[in-house]
C-alpha atoms as a PDB file:
ATOM      1  CA  MET A   1      54.814  74.875 -52.751  1.00  0.00           C
ATOM      2  CA  SER A   2      51.496  73.433 -51.588  1.00  0.00           C
ATOM      3  CA  PHE A   3      53.162  70.049 -51.386  1.00  0.00           C
ATOM      4  CA  LEU A   4      55.819  71.416 -48.988  1.00  0.00           C
ATOM      5  CA  ILE A   5      53.122  73.036 -46.834  1.00  0.00           C
ATOM      6  CA  ARG A   6      51.216  69.744 -46.577  1.00  0.00           C
ATOM      7  CA  LEU A   7      54.417  67.857 -45.805  1.00  0.00           C
ATOM      8  CA  THR A   8      55.352  70.356 -43.079  1.00  0.00           C
ATOM      9  CA  PHE A   9      51.850  70.041 -41.572  1.00  0.00           C
ATOM     10  CA  ILE A  10      52.096  66.238 -41.499  1.00  0.00           C
ATOM     11  CA  VAL A  11      55.503  66.395 -39.815  1.00  0.00           C
ATOM     12  CA  ILE A  12      54.190  68.805 -37.156  1.00  0.00           C
ATOM     13  CA  VAL A  13      51.149  66.603 -36.426  1.00  0.00           C
ATOM     14  CA  ALA A  14      53.332  63.497 -36.197  1.00  0.00           C
ATOM     15  CA  PHE A  15      55.759  65.292 -33.862  1.00  0.00           C
ATOM     16  CA  LEU A  16      52.948  66.490 -31.566  1.00  0.00           C
ATOM     17  CA  GLY A  17      51.473  62.991 -31.511  1.00  0.00           C
ATOM     18  CA  TRP A  18      54.833  61.493 -30.607  1.00  0.00           C
ATOM     19  CA  ARG A  19      55.346  64.063 -27.830  1.00  0.00           C
ATOM     20  CA  PHE A  20      51.892  63.322 -26.382  1.00  0.00           C
ATOM     21  CA  TRP A  21      52.439  59.560 -26.553  1.00  0.00           C
ATOM     22  CA  THR A  22      55.872  59.659 -24.929  1.00  0.00           C
ATOM     23  CA  GLN A  23      54.713  62.025 -22.146  1.00  0.00           C
ATOM     24  CA  SER A  24      51.705  59.880 -21.334  1.00  0.00           C
ATOM     25  CA  ASN A  25      53.780  56.687 -21.332  1.00  0.00           C
ATOM     26  CA  VAL A  26      56.543  58.275 -19.277  1.00  0.00           C
ATOM     27  CA  GLY A  27      53.948  59.488 -16.787  1.00  0.00           C
ATOM     28  CA  SER A  28      52.392  56.039 -16.679  1.00  0.00           C
ATOM     29  CA  SER A  29      55.817  54.398 -16.254  1.00  0.00           C
ATOM     30  CA  VAL A  30      56.769  56.812 -13.478  1.00  0.00           C
ATOM     31  CA  GLU A  31      53.469  56.091 -11.728  1.00  0.00           C
ATOM     32  CA  GLN A  32      54.017  52.328 -11.950  1.00  0.00           C
ATOM     33  CA  ILE A  33      57.626  52.615 -10.741  1.00  0.00           C
ATOM     34  CA  THR A  34      56.559  54.848  -7.830  1.00  0.00           C
ATOM     35  CA  GLN A  35      53.824  52.397  -6.878  1.00  0.00           C
ATOM     36  CA  GLN A  36      56.253  49.474  -6.979  1.00  0.00           C
ATOM     37  CA  VAL A  37      58.739  51.350  -4.796  1.00  0.00           C
ATOM     38  CA  MET A  38      56.052  52.228  -2.260  1.00  0.00           C
ATOM     39  CA  ASN A  39      54.544  48.740  -2.382  1.00  0.00           C
ATOM     40  CA  PRO A  40      56.768  46.050  -3.973  1.00  0.00           C
ATOM     41  CA  LYS A  41      53.942  43.502  -3.991  1.00  0.00           C
ATOM     42  CA  ALA A  42      51.867  45.780  -6.229  1.00  0.00           C
ATOM     43  CA  ALA A  43      54.033  44.556  -9.120  1.00  0.00           C
ATOM     44  CA  TYR A  44      52.141  41.248  -8.866  1.00  0.00           C
ATOM     45  CA  CYS A  45      48.921  43.079  -9.767  1.00  0.00           C
ATOM     46  CA  GLN A  46      50.110  44.795 -12.973  1.00  0.00           C
ATOM     47  CA  SER A  47      49.472  41.888 -15.345  1.00  0.00           C
ATOM     48  CA  PRO A  48      47.788  38.465 -15.151  1.00  0.00           C
ATOM     49  CA  LEU A  49      49.825  35.637 -13.678  1.00  0.00           C
ATOM     50  CA  GLY A  50      50.019  32.585 -15.886  1.00  0.00           C
ATOM     51  CA  TRP A  51      49.863  29.100 -14.419  1.00  0.00           C
ATOM     52  CA  ARG A  52      50.292  25.611 -15.795  1.00  0.00           C
ATOM     53  CA  LEU A  53      49.892  22.077 -14.539  1.00  0.00           C
ATOM     54  CA  GLY A  54      53.165  20.400 -13.640  1.00  0.00           C
ATOM     55  CA  ASN A  55      53.542  16.947 -12.119  1.00  0.00           C
ATOM     56  CA  LEU A  56      50.314  15.137 -11.266  1.00  0.00           C
ATOM     57  CA  ASP A  57      50.883  12.319  -8.783  1.00  0.00           C
ATOM     58  CA  PRO A  58      48.613   9.324  -9.642  1.00  0.00           C
ATOM     59  CA  ALA A  59      47.864   8.978  -5.919  1.00  0.00           C
ATOM     60  CA  PHE A  60      45.556  11.990  -6.226  1.00  0.00           C
ATOM     61  CA  ASN A  61      43.317   9.897  -8.509  1.00  0.00           C
ATOM     62  CA  LEU A  62      42.734  12.885 -10.822  1.00  0.00           C
ATOM     63  CA  THR A  63      43.074  13.155 -14.583  1.00  0.00           C
ATOM     64  CA  GLU A  64      44.914  16.122 -16.091  1.00  0.00           C
ATOM     65  CA  ALA A  65      41.606  17.491 -17.350  1.00  0.00           C
ATOM     66  CA  GLN A  66      40.087  17.263 -13.867  1.00  0.00           C
ATOM     67  CA  ALA A  67      43.111  18.929 -12.262  1.00  0.00           C
ATOM     68  CA  ILE A  68      43.071  21.794 -14.787  1.00  0.00           C
ATOM     69  CA  ARG A  69      39.330  22.249 -14.284  1.00  0.00           C
ATOM     70  CA  LEU A  70      39.723  22.536 -10.505  1.00  0.00           C
ATOM     71  CA  ILE A  71      42.654  24.948 -10.823  1.00  0.00           C
ATOM     72  CA  SER A  72      40.667  27.043 -13.310  1.00  0.00           C
ATOM     73  CA  THR A  73      37.737  27.152 -10.886  1.00  0.00           C
ATOM     74  CA  ALA A  74      40.009  28.516  -8.161  1.00  0.00           C
ATOM     75  CA  ALA A  75      41.516  31.080 -10.558  1.00  0.00           C
ATOM     76  CA  GLU A  76      38.075  32.260 -11.669  1.00  0.00           C
ATOM     77  CA  MET A  77      37.116  32.820  -8.034  1.00  0.00           C
ATOM     78  CA  TRP A  78      39.702  35.616  -7.926  1.00  0.00           C
ATOM     79  CA  ASN A  79      39.062  36.898 -11.460  1.00  0.00           C
ATOM     80  CA  ASN A  80      35.311  37.187 -10.939  1.00  0.00           C
ATOM     81  CA  ALA A  81      35.599  38.648  -7.454  1.00  0.00           C
ATOM     82  CA  VAL A  82      37.912  41.526  -8.448  1.00  0.00           C
ATOM     83  CA  GLY A  83      36.407  42.074 -11.893  1.00  0.00           C
ATOM     84  CA  LYS A  84      39.649  41.638 -13.809  1.00  0.00           C
ATOM     85  CA  GLU A  85      41.924  38.854 -14.979  1.00  0.00           C
ATOM     86  CA  LEU A  86      44.491  38.180 -12.280  1.00  0.00           C
ATOM     87  CA  LEU A  87      45.224  34.570 -13.214  1.00  0.00           C
ATOM     88  CA  ARG A  88      45.172  32.736 -16.528  1.00  0.00           C
ATOM     89  CA  HIS A  89      46.021  29.292 -17.839  1.00  0.00           C
ATOM     90  CA  ASP A  90      49.340  29.536 -19.703  1.00  0.00           C
ATOM     91  CA  PRO A  91      50.538  26.001 -20.597  1.00  0.00           C
ATOM     92  CA  ALA A  92      53.763  27.350 -22.105  1.00  0.00           C
ATOM     93  CA  GLN A  93      55.155  29.879 -19.616  1.00  0.00           C
ATOM     94  CA  GLY A  94      52.909  29.862 -16.553  1.00  0.00           C
ATOM     95  CA  PHE A  95      54.284  29.063 -13.117  1.00  0.00           C
ATOM     96  CA  VAL A  96      54.130  25.383 -12.221  1.00  0.00           C
ATOM     97  CA  ILE A  97      51.447  23.797 -10.057  1.00  0.00           C
ATOM     98  CA  ASP A  98      52.572  20.353  -8.868  1.00  0.00           C
ATOM     99  CA  PHE A  99      50.362  17.701  -7.280  1.00  0.00           C
ATOM    100  CA  LYS A 100      52.807  15.881  -5.005  1.00  0.00           C
ATOM    101  CA  PHE A 101      51.041  13.350  -2.824  1.00  0.00           C
ATOM    102  CA  ASP A 102      52.165  13.254   0.807  1.00  0.00           C
ATOM    103  CA  ALA A 103      50.667  10.330   2.730  1.00  0.00           C
ATOM    104  CA  ARG A 104      51.366  12.009   6.068  1.00  0.00           C
ATOM    105  CA  GLN A 105      49.577  15.174   5.023  1.00  0.00           C
ATOM    106  CA  GLN A 106      46.710  13.116   3.609  1.00  0.00           C
ATOM    107  CA  GLN A 107      46.370  11.383   6.966  1.00  0.00           C
ATOM    108  CA  LEU A 108      46.424  14.709   8.769  1.00  0.00           C
ATOM    109  CA  LEU A 109      43.790  15.993   6.373  1.00  0.00           C
ATOM    110  CA  LYS A 110      41.615  12.976   7.164  1.00  0.00           C
ATOM    111  CA  GLN A 111      42.044  13.741  10.833  1.00  0.00           C
ATOM    112  CA  ARG A 112      40.986  17.355  10.261  1.00  0.00           C
ATOM    113  CA  LEU A 113      38.011  16.079   8.301  1.00  0.00           C
ATOM    114  CA  LEU A 114      37.180  13.800  11.234  1.00  0.00           C
ATOM    115  CA  GLN A 115      37.305  16.768  13.593  1.00  0.00           C
ATOM    116  CA  ARG A 116      35.039  18.730  11.249  1.00  0.00           C
ATOM    117  CA  ASN A 117      32.532  15.873  11.051  1.00  0.00           C
ATOM    118  CA  LEU A 118      32.570  15.406  14.805  1.00  0.00           C
ATOM    119  CA  ALA A 119      31.909  19.114  15.238  1.00  0.00           C
ATOM    120  CA  ARG A 120      28.941  18.864  12.882  1.00  0.00           C
ATOM    121  CA  TYR A 121      27.588  15.880  14.810  1.00  0.00           C
ATOM    122  CA  ASP A 122      27.991  17.786  18.069  1.00  0.00           C
ATOM    123  CA  GLU A 123      26.178  20.788  16.625  1.00  0.00           C
ATOM    124  CA  ALA A 124      23.279  18.521  15.683  1.00  0.00           C
ATOM    125  CA  ILE A 125      23.276  16.613  18.983  1.00  0.00           C
ATOM    126  CA  GLN A 126      23.606  19.469  21.470  1.00  0.00           C
ATOM    127  CA  PRO A 127      20.215  21.144  20.819  1.00  0.00           C
ATOM    128  CA  GLY A 128      18.452  17.793  21.183  1.00  0.00           C
ATOM    129  CA  LEU A 129      20.156  17.075  24.490  1.00  0.00           C
ATOM    130  CA  GLN A 130      19.047  20.464  25.759  1.00  0.00           C
ATOM    131  CA  ASN A 131      15.537  20.683  24.281  1.00  0.00           C
ATOM    132  CA  LEU A 132      14.142  17.152  24.381  1.00  0.00           C
ATOM    133  CA  PRO A 133      13.993  16.856  28.207  1.00  0.00           C
ATOM    134  CA  GLU A 134      12.199  20.209  28.352  1.00  0.00           C
ATOM    135  CA  LYS A 135       9.722  19.150  25.662  1.00  0.00           C
ATOM    136  CA  PHE A 136       8.988  15.854  27.410  1.00  0.00           C
ATOM    137  CA  ALA A 137       8.446  17.745  30.683  1.00  0.00           C
ATOM    138  CA  GLU A 138       6.044  20.152  28.948  1.00  0.00           C
ATOM    139  CA  LEU A 139       4.154  17.236  27.437  1.00  0.00           C
ATOM    140  CA  ASP A 140       3.918  15.522  30.828  1.00  0.00           C
ATOM    141  CA  THR A 141       2.415  18.721  32.260  1.00  0.00           C
ATOM    142  CA  LYS A 142      -0.171  18.902  29.465  1.00  0.00           C
ATOM    143  CA  ILE A 143      -1.040  15.214  29.919  1.00  0.00           C
ATOM    144  CA  ALA A 144      -1.545  15.787  33.643  1.00  0.00           C
ATOM    145  CA  GLU A 145      -3.865  18.736  32.892  1.00  0.00           C
ATOM    146  CA  PHE A 146      -5.717  16.591  30.358  1.00  0.00           C
ATOM    147  CA  ASN A 147      -6.214  13.785  32.882  1.00  0.00           C
ATOM    148  CA  GLN A 148      -7.535  16.311  35.409  1.00  0.00           C
ATOM    149  CA  GLN A 149     -10.048  17.660  32.851  1.00  0.00           C
ATOM    150  CA  LYS A 150     -11.010  14.098  31.947  1.00  0.00           C
ATOM    151  CA  ALA A 151     -11.633  13.247  35.615  1.00  0.00           C
ATOM    152  CA  GLN A 152     -13.773  16.360  36.047  1.00  0.00           C
ATOM    153  CA  LEU A 153     -15.822  15.435  32.968  1.00  0.00           C
ATOM    154  CA  GLN A 154     -16.345  11.878  34.237  1.00  0.00           C
ATOM    155  CA  GLN A 155     -17.546  13.303  37.560  1.00  0.00           C
ATOM    156  CA  GLN A 156     -19.974  15.631  35.765  1.00  0.00           C
ATOM    157  CA  ILE A 157     -21.277  12.701  33.689  1.00  0.00           C
ATOM    158  CA  SER A 158     -21.818  10.594  36.840  1.00  0.00           C
ATOM    159  CA  GLN A 159     -23.775  13.463  38.395  1.00  0.00           C
ATOM    160  CA  PHE A 160     -25.905  14.044  35.307  1.00  0.00           C
ATOM    161  CA  GLN A 161     -29.670  13.910  35.973  1.00  0.00           C
ATOM    162  CA  PRO A 162     -31.606  12.878  32.833  1.00  0.00           C
ATOM    163  CA  ASN A 163     -34.911  14.068  34.275  1.00  0.00           C
ATOM    164  CA  ALA A 164     -33.673  17.494  35.299  1.00  0.00           C
ATOM    165  CA  GLN A 165     -35.349  20.570  33.813  1.00  0.00           C
ATOM    166  CA  ASN A 166     -32.344  21.562  31.684  1.00  0.00           C
ATOM    167  CA  ALA A 167     -31.097  17.988  31.108  1.00  0.00           C
ATOM    168  CA  GLU A 168     -30.955  18.308  27.311  1.00  0.00           C
ATOM    169  CA  ALA A 169     -28.769  21.394  27.423  1.00  0.00           C
ATOM    170  CA  GLN A 170     -26.472  19.775  29.984  1.00  0.00           C
ATOM    171  CA  ARG A 171     -26.238  16.621  27.856  1.00  0.00           C
ATOM    172  CA  ARG A 172     -25.186  18.659  24.778  1.00  0.00           C
ATOM    173  CA  GLN A 173     -22.578  20.539  26.829  1.00  0.00           C
ATOM    174  CA  LEU A 174     -21.149  17.303  28.198  1.00  0.00           C
ATOM    175  CA  GLU A 175     -20.970  15.842  24.687  1.00  0.00           C
ATOM    176  CA  GLN A 176     -19.123  18.928  23.453  1.00  0.00           C
ATOM    177  CA  GLN A 177     -16.629  18.684  26.321  1.00  0.00           C
ATOM    178  CA  GLN A 178     -16.164  14.996  25.576  1.00  0.00           C
ATOM    179  CA  GLN A 179     -15.456  15.676  21.868  1.00  0.00           C
ATOM    180  CA  SER A 180     -13.005  18.434  22.830  1.00  0.00           C
ATOM    181  CA  LEU A 181     -11.148  16.035  25.120  1.00  0.00           C
ATOM    182  CA  ILE A 182     -11.021  13.413  22.371  1.00  0.00           C
ATOM    183  CA  ARG A 183      -9.431  15.928  19.995  1.00  0.00           C
ATOM    184  CA  GLU A 184      -6.969  16.991  22.679  1.00  0.00           C
ATOM    185  CA  ALA A 185      -6.103  13.357  23.385  1.00  0.00           C
ATOM    186  CA  ASP A 186      -5.332  12.820  19.688  1.00  0.00           C
ATOM    187  CA  TRP A 187      -3.142  15.938  19.639  1.00  0.00           C
ATOM    188  CA  LEU A 188      -1.263  14.857  22.761  1.00  0.00           C
ATOM    189  CA  GLU A 189      -0.623  11.440  21.230  1.00  0.00           C
ATOM    190  CA  GLN A 190       0.730  13.070  18.059  1.00  0.00           C
ATOM    191  CA  GLN A 191       3.069  15.195  20.172  1.00  0.00           C
ATOM    192  CA  ARG A 192       4.214  12.139  22.092  1.00  0.00           C
ATOM    193  CA  GLN A 193       4.924  10.202  18.891  1.00  0.00           C
ATOM    194  CA  GLN A 194       6.877  13.154  17.437  1.00  0.00           C
ATOM    195  CA  LEU A 195       9.010  13.444  20.555  1.00  0.00           C
ATOM    196  CA  LEU A 196       9.703   9.705  20.428  1.00  0.00           C
ATOM    197  CA  ARG A 197      10.823  10.061  16.789  1.00  0.00           C
ATOM    198  CA  ASP A 198      13.051  12.996  17.774  1.00  0.00           C
ATOM    199  CA  GLN A 199      14.492  10.922  20.599  1.00  0.00           C
ATOM    200  CA  ASN A 200      15.187   7.981  18.285  1.00  0.00           C
ATOM    201  CA  TYR A 201      16.854  10.302  15.755  1.00  0.00           C
ATOM    202  CA  LEU A 202      19.015  11.816  18.496  1.00  0.00           C
ATOM    203  CA  ASN A 203      20.020   8.372  19.767  1.00  0.00           C
ATOM    204  CA  GLU A 204      20.919   7.257  16.227  1.00  0.00           C
ATOM    205  CA  THR A 205      22.966  10.409  15.659  1.00  0.00           C
ATOM    206  CA  ILE A 206      24.854   9.829  18.907  1.00  0.00           C
ATOM    207  CA  ARG A 207      25.459   6.212  17.893  1.00  0.00           C
ATOM    208  CA  GLN A 208      26.848   7.270  14.503  1.00  0.00           C
ATOM    209  CA  ARG A 209      29.100   9.866  16.140  1.00  0.00           C
ATOM    210  CA  ASN A 210      30.501   7.324  18.596  1.00  0.00           C
ATOM    211  CA  GLU A 211      30.995   4.802  15.815  1.00  0.00           C
ATOM    212  CA  LEU A 212      32.905   7.405  13.794  1.00  0.00           C
ATOM    213  CA  VAL A 213      35.254   8.006  16.718  1.00  0.00           C
ATOM    214  CA  GLN A 214      35.826   4.277  17.268  1.00  0.00           C
ATOM    215  CA  THR A 215      36.663   3.531  13.622  1.00  0.00           C
ATOM    216  CA  ALA A 216      38.867   6.580  12.955  1.00  0.00           C
ATOM    217  CA  ASP A 217      42.402   7.439  13.963  1.00  0.00           C
ATOM    218  CA  LEU A 218      42.697   9.971  16.729  1.00  0.00           C
ATOM    219  CA  PRO A 219      43.973  13.418  15.623  1.00  0.00           C
ATOM    220  CA  THR A 220      47.635  14.250  16.098  1.00  0.00           C
ATOM    221  CA  GLU A 221      47.494  17.773  17.478  1.00  0.00           C
ATOM    222  CA  THR A 222      51.244  18.405  17.449  1.00  0.00           C
ATOM    223  CA  ALA A 223      51.869  17.340  13.835  1.00  0.00           C
ATOM    224  CA  PRO A 224      52.357  20.108  11.254  1.00  0.00           C
ATOM    225  CA  PHE A 225      49.523  20.416   8.782  1.00  0.00           C
ATOM    226  CA  GLU A 226      50.024  21.762   5.276  1.00  0.00           C
ATOM    227  CA  VAL A 227      47.989  20.673   2.248  1.00  0.00           C
ATOM    228  CA  GLY A 228      49.363  23.352  -0.083  1.00  0.00           C
ATOM    229  CA  LEU A 229      52.460  25.514  -0.414  1.00  0.00           C
ATOM    230  CA  MET A 230      53.339  28.563  -2.538  1.00  0.00           C
ATOM    231  CA  THR A 231      57.017  29.480  -2.881  1.00  0.00           C
ATOM    232  CA  ILE A 232      58.265  32.685  -4.513  1.00  0.00           C
ATOM    233  CA  LYS A 233      61.996  33.038  -5.140  1.00  0.00           C
ATOM    234  CA  GLN A 234      63.320  35.861  -7.298  1.00  0.00           C
ATOM    235  CA  GLN A 235      59.862  36.406  -8.827  1.00  0.00           C
ATOM    236  CA  GLN A 236      59.661  32.693  -9.696  1.00  0.00           C
ATOM    237  CA  ARG A 237      56.564  31.041  -8.283  1.00  0.00           C
ATOM    238  CA  GLN A 238      55.763  27.393  -7.676  1.00  0.00           C
ATOM    239  CA  MET A 239      52.671  25.878  -6.102  1.00  0.00           C
ATOM    240  CA  THR A 240      52.713  22.401  -4.573  1.00  0.00           C
ATOM    241  CA  LEU A 241      49.597  20.543  -3.438  1.00  0.00           C
ATOM    242  CA  PHE A 242      50.054  17.642  -1.033  1.00  0.00           C
ATOM    243  CA  ALA A 243      46.577  16.284  -0.254  1.00  0.00           C
ATOM    244  CA  PHE A 244      42.850  16.912  -0.404  1.00  0.00           C
ATOM    245  CA  SER A 245      39.666  15.401   1.007  1.00  0.00           C
ATOM    246  CA  SER A 246      37.151  16.771  -1.515  1.00  0.00           C
ATOM    247  CA  GLU A 247      37.078  18.868  -4.670  1.00  0.00           C
ATOM    248  CA  THR A 248      35.581  21.758  -2.685  1.00  0.00           C
ATOM    249  CA  ASP A 249      38.485  21.707  -0.226  1.00  0.00           C
ATOM    250  CA  LEU A 250      41.002  21.381  -3.055  1.00  0.00           C
ATOM    251  CA  VAL A 251      39.586  24.433  -4.857  1.00  0.00           C
ATOM    252  CA  ALA A 252      39.733  26.391  -1.584  1.00  0.00           C
ATOM    253  CA  THR A 253      43.362  25.335  -1.074  1.00  0.00           C
ATOM    254  CA  ILE A 254      44.354  26.337  -4.616  1.00  0.00           C
ATOM    255  CA  ALA A 255      42.522  29.670  -4.293  1.00  0.00           C
ATOM    256  CA  HIS A 256      44.402  30.262  -1.023  1.00  0.00           C
ATOM    257  CA  GLU A 257      47.768  29.577  -2.660  1.00  0.00           C
ATOM    258  CA  PHE A 258      46.793  31.764  -5.648  1.00  0.00           C
ATOM    259  CA  GLY A 259      46.272  34.560  -3.132  1.00  0.00           C
ATOM    260  CA  HIS A 260      49.852  34.104  -1.932  1.00  0.00           C
ATOM    261  CA  ALA A 261      51.017  34.088  -5.568  1.00  0.00           C
ATOM    262  CA  ILE A 262      49.459  37.532  -5.978  1.00  0.00           C
ATOM    263  CA  GLY A 263      51.188  38.669  -2.795  1.00  0.00           C
ATOM    264  CA  ILE A 264      48.327  38.507  -0.289  1.00  0.00           C
ATOM    265  CA  GLU A 265      49.083  37.585   3.318  1.00  0.00           C
ATOM    266  CA  HIS A 266      46.863  35.618   5.706  1.00  0.00           C
ATOM    267  CA  THR A 267      43.630  37.144   7.010  1.00  0.00           C
ATOM    268  CA  PRO A 268      42.248  36.707  10.557  1.00  0.00           C
ATOM    269  CA  GLU A 269      38.653  35.870   9.524  1.00  0.00           C
ATOM    270  CA  PRO A 270      38.050  32.064   9.681  1.00  0.00           C
ATOM    271  CA  ASP A 271      35.573  32.095   6.773  1.00  0.00           C
ATOM    272  CA  SER A 272      37.959  33.881   4.410  1.00  0.00           C
ATOM    273  CA  ILE A 273      39.899  31.926   1.799  1.00  0.00           C
ATOM    274  CA  MET A 274      43.132  33.547   3.015  1.00  0.00           C
ATOM    275  CA  PHE A 275      42.663  32.330   6.597  1.00  0.00           C
ATOM    276  CA  HIS A 276      45.761  30.408   7.635  1.00  0.00           C
ATOM    277  CA  GLN A 277      43.970  27.077   8.154  1.00  0.00           C
ATOM    278  CA  LEU A 278      41.588  25.135   5.911  1.00  0.00           C
ATOM    279  CA  ASN A 279      38.137  24.797   7.476  1.00  0.00           C
ATOM    280  CA  ALA A 280      34.497  24.127   6.577  1.00  0.00           C
ATOM    281  CA  GLN A 281      33.551  27.829   6.545  1.00  0.00           C
ATOM    282  CA  GLN A 282      35.706  28.558   3.495  1.00  0.00           C
ATOM    283  CA  GLN A 283      33.297  28.359   0.569  1.00  0.00           C
ATOM    284  CA  GLN A 284      34.115  31.444  -1.489  1.00  0.00           C
ATOM    285  CA  LEU A 285      36.069  34.689  -1.391  1.00  0.00           C
ATOM    286  CA  THR A 286      34.827  37.065   1.276  1.00  0.00           C
ATOM    287  CA  ALA A 287      34.961  40.810   1.856  1.00  0.00           C
ATOM    288  CA  ALA A 288      38.063  40.201   3.986  1.00  0.00           C
ATOM    289  CA  ASP A 289      39.818  38.539   1.028  1.00  0.00           C
ATOM    290  CA  LEU A 290      38.935  41.452  -1.258  1.00  0.00           C
ATOM    291  CA  ARG A 291      40.171  43.981   1.299  1.00  0.00           C
ATOM    292  CA  ALA A 292      43.462  42.076   1.491  1.00  0.00           C
ATOM    293  CA  TRP A 293      43.737  42.158  -2.328  1.00  0.00           C
ATOM    294  CA  GLN A 294      42.963  45.893  -2.409  1.00  0.00           C
ATOM    295  CA  SER A 295      45.566  46.517   0.271  1.00  0.00           C
ATOM    296  CA  THR A 296      48.166  44.519  -1.633  1.00  0.00           C
ATOM    297  CA  CYS A 297      47.398  46.127  -4.985  1.00  0.00           C
ATOM    298  CA  GLN A 298      46.523  49.582  -3.539  1.00  0.00           C
ATOM    299  CA  THR A 299      43.243  49.801  -5.434  1.00  0.00           C
ATOM    300  CA  GLN A 300      40.260  51.863  -4.401  1.00  0.00           C
END
């Protein structure tokens, strides 16, 4: 009898546990289905996306280990920023990332890099062009004041009377003024030498900028520019990378395409990874990128 009671109790507990488990899972499934209906892209956020290295064109001059390391760096940018695993290396079933060298895109990338370098030169040159003339003018004014003080001192020295009643006090005062002018003359010379060094540096910077323009190809403004591409067809993703100028730019490009793989659209902020065009401001994920991810995945 006691055995039947215990058996009945076990059956009841198992039944209640099954009911609780099925209700919770049904509720969870309904919630996920509702979310996917309201926002189809949210399905990309439910589980980590696997990726794997596909074709690696030798023209990229990268080993497989180097390519995987750079891709992993870009993936970790997203994983660390959102605090969860969005992307993982899955050599067996992950979506393919191909490195397909495109000489035309590489040339365009070099042209963009040229534009970036020219902009940096201009940023360094412009303040000097504006400030140096003003600083030289200020120094000329101070030198003129110094020469006036020097002339006044020389006049006082020529009028000095050694036999006057207060001659000793006057002599000490003149010596003090003379020492002060000597110190000021040294300071003015230091300022002049510094301005000459600044002028030489500015001239050298201008020379390097002009030399860069003369030895580089001019940018082709009308040519399309695309160093990476993410395609999604029937939930099947494929990333293709065409060119890169540095590892930093390549990581930014991969991180950008990973964003598209998750379902994120372009952002308007130039410093964000998801901005539509690669530029020097893109160093890491920004608040704008995280807002775009939250909007896509409907997270709070």
